[in-house]
């Protein structure tokens, strides 16, 4: 059975927002304490300016940025390398036999 509206606890966010000025005053006071000043400064900056955004992840596949012509050129290079490897293997097999 749902809780009636008049018995529901207040929203914690609204309650916390009511203490914003006092909390900021505590953080500002902590700036003067050597042990807490870095954490207090970071907390103030995060709340005042927001946390730094992470850089968007780049596509781990660099080939995705190539044009069709560049991809065709890369494929030709790969085909040439494969042909060289096959020729080297055939030559090695001929000398072993």
Protein backbone atom coordinates (compact mmCIF):
# COMPACT_ATOMS: atom_id res chain seq x y z
CA UNK A 1 0.00 0.00 0.00
CA UNK A 2 1.51 3.38 -0.96
CA UNK A 3 2.41 5.88 1.75
CA UNK A 4 -0.11 8.74 1.92
CA UNK A 5 1.28 12.13 0.81
CA UNK A 6 0.96 13.59 4.32
CA UNK A 7 3.16 10.83 5.81
CA UNK A 8 5.88 10.82 3.17
CA UNK A 9 9.27 12.04 4.38
CA UNK A 10 10.49 15.26 2.79
CA UNK A 11 12.72 15.11 -0.24
CA UNK A 12 16.36 14.83 0.99
CA UNK A 13 17.55 17.08 -1.83
CA UNK A 14 15.25 19.86 -0.73
CA UNK A 15 16.38 19.45 2.88
CA UNK A 16 20.04 19.55 1.87
CA UNK A 17 19.54 22.60 -0.32
CA UNK A 18 18.23 24.43 2.71
CA UNK A 19 21.70 24.12 4.28
CA UNK A 20 23.69 25.32 1.28
CA UNK A 21 24.88 28.60 2.78
CA UNK A 22 25.95 26.97 6.04
CA UNK A 23 27.76 24.17 4.21
CA UNK A 24 29.64 26.65 2.02
CA UNK A 25 30.59 28.61 5.14
CA UNK A 26 32.03 25.42 6.66
CA UNK A 27 34.02 24.72 3.49
CA UNK A 28 35.33 28.27 3.42
CA UNK A 29 36.36 27.96 7.07
CA UNK A 30 38.11 24.67 6.28
CA UNK A 31 40.24 26.47 3.69
CA UNK A 32 42.16 27.94 6.62
CA UNK A 33 42.92 24.52 8.12
CA UNK A 34 46.06 23.01 6.65
CA UNK A 35 44.75 19.46 6.93
CA UNK A 36 41.46 20.13 5.10
CA UNK A 37 42.16 23.00 2.76
CA UNK A 38 42.77 21.04 -0.47
CA UNK A 39 39.61 18.96 -0.09
CA UNK A 40 37.60 22.04 0.84
CA UNK A 41 38.94 23.96 -2.15
CA UNK A 42 38.10 21.08 -4.50
CA UNK A 43 34.60 20.79 -3.05
CA UNK A 44 34.00 24.51 -3.49
CA UNK A 45 35.29 24.50 -7.06
CA UNK A 46 33.26 21.41 -7.96
CA UNK A 47 30.08 22.96 -6.62
CA UNK A 48 30.72 26.40 -8.02
CA UNK A 49 31.99 25.49 -11.47
CA UNK A 50 31.03 21.84 -11.83
CA UNK A 51 33.35 18.91 -12.11
CA UNK A 52 35.63 18.80 -15.15
CA UNK A 53 34.15 16.83 -17.99
CA UNK A 54 36.03 13.87 -19.28
CA UNK A 55 37.33 14.20 -22.79
CA UNK A 56 35.11 12.34 -25.23
CA UNK A 57 36.53 9.00 -26.13
CA UNK A 58 37.94 8.75 -29.61
CA UNK A 59 37.27 5.84 -31.85
CA UNK A 60 40.05 3.34 -31.10
CA UNK A 61 40.04 2.37 -34.77
CA UNK A 62 42.09 4.97 -36.68
CA UNK A 63 40.94 3.42 -39.95
CA UNK A 64 37.44 4.77 -39.29
CA UNK A 65 38.70 8.29 -40.10
CA UNK A 66 40.13 7.36 -43.51
CA UNK A 67 38.39 8.15 -46.78
CA UNK A 68 37.49 5.38 -49.23
CA UNK A 69 40.49 6.28 -51.40
CA UNK A 70 42.82 6.12 -48.41
CA UNK A 71 41.34 2.77 -47.39
CA UNK A 72 41.86 1.40 -50.91
CA UNK A 73 45.48 2.60 -50.85
CA UNK A 74 46.02 0.97 -47.45
CA UNK A 75 44.55 -2.30 -48.76
CA UNK A 76 46.99 -2.26 -51.68
CA UNK A 77 49.89 -1.82 -49.27
CA UNK A 78 48.62 -4.73 -47.15
CA UNK A 79 48.18 -6.92 -50.23
CA UNK A 80 51.76 -6.12 -51.27
CA UNK A 81 53.06 -7.02 -47.81
CA UNK A 82 51.11 -10.29 -47.81
CA UNK A 83 52.49 -11.15 -51.25
CA UNK A 84 56.06 -10.46 -50.05
CA UNK A 85 55.51 -12.66 -47.00
CA UNK A 86 54.11 -15.50 -49.12
CA UNK A 87 57.06 -15.23 -51.51
CA UNK A 88 59.53 -15.34 -48.61
CA UNK A 89 57.82 -18.41 -47.17
CA UNK A 90 57.83 -20.15 -50.58
CA UNK A 91 61.53 -19.37 -51.02
CA UNK A 92 62.30 -20.69 -47.52
CA UNK A 93 60.30 -23.85 -48.22
CA UNK A 94 62.16 -24.38 -51.52
CA UNK A 95 65.57 -24.11 -49.84
CA UNK A 96 64.51 -26.53 -47.06
CA UNK A 97 63.38 -29.17 -49.56
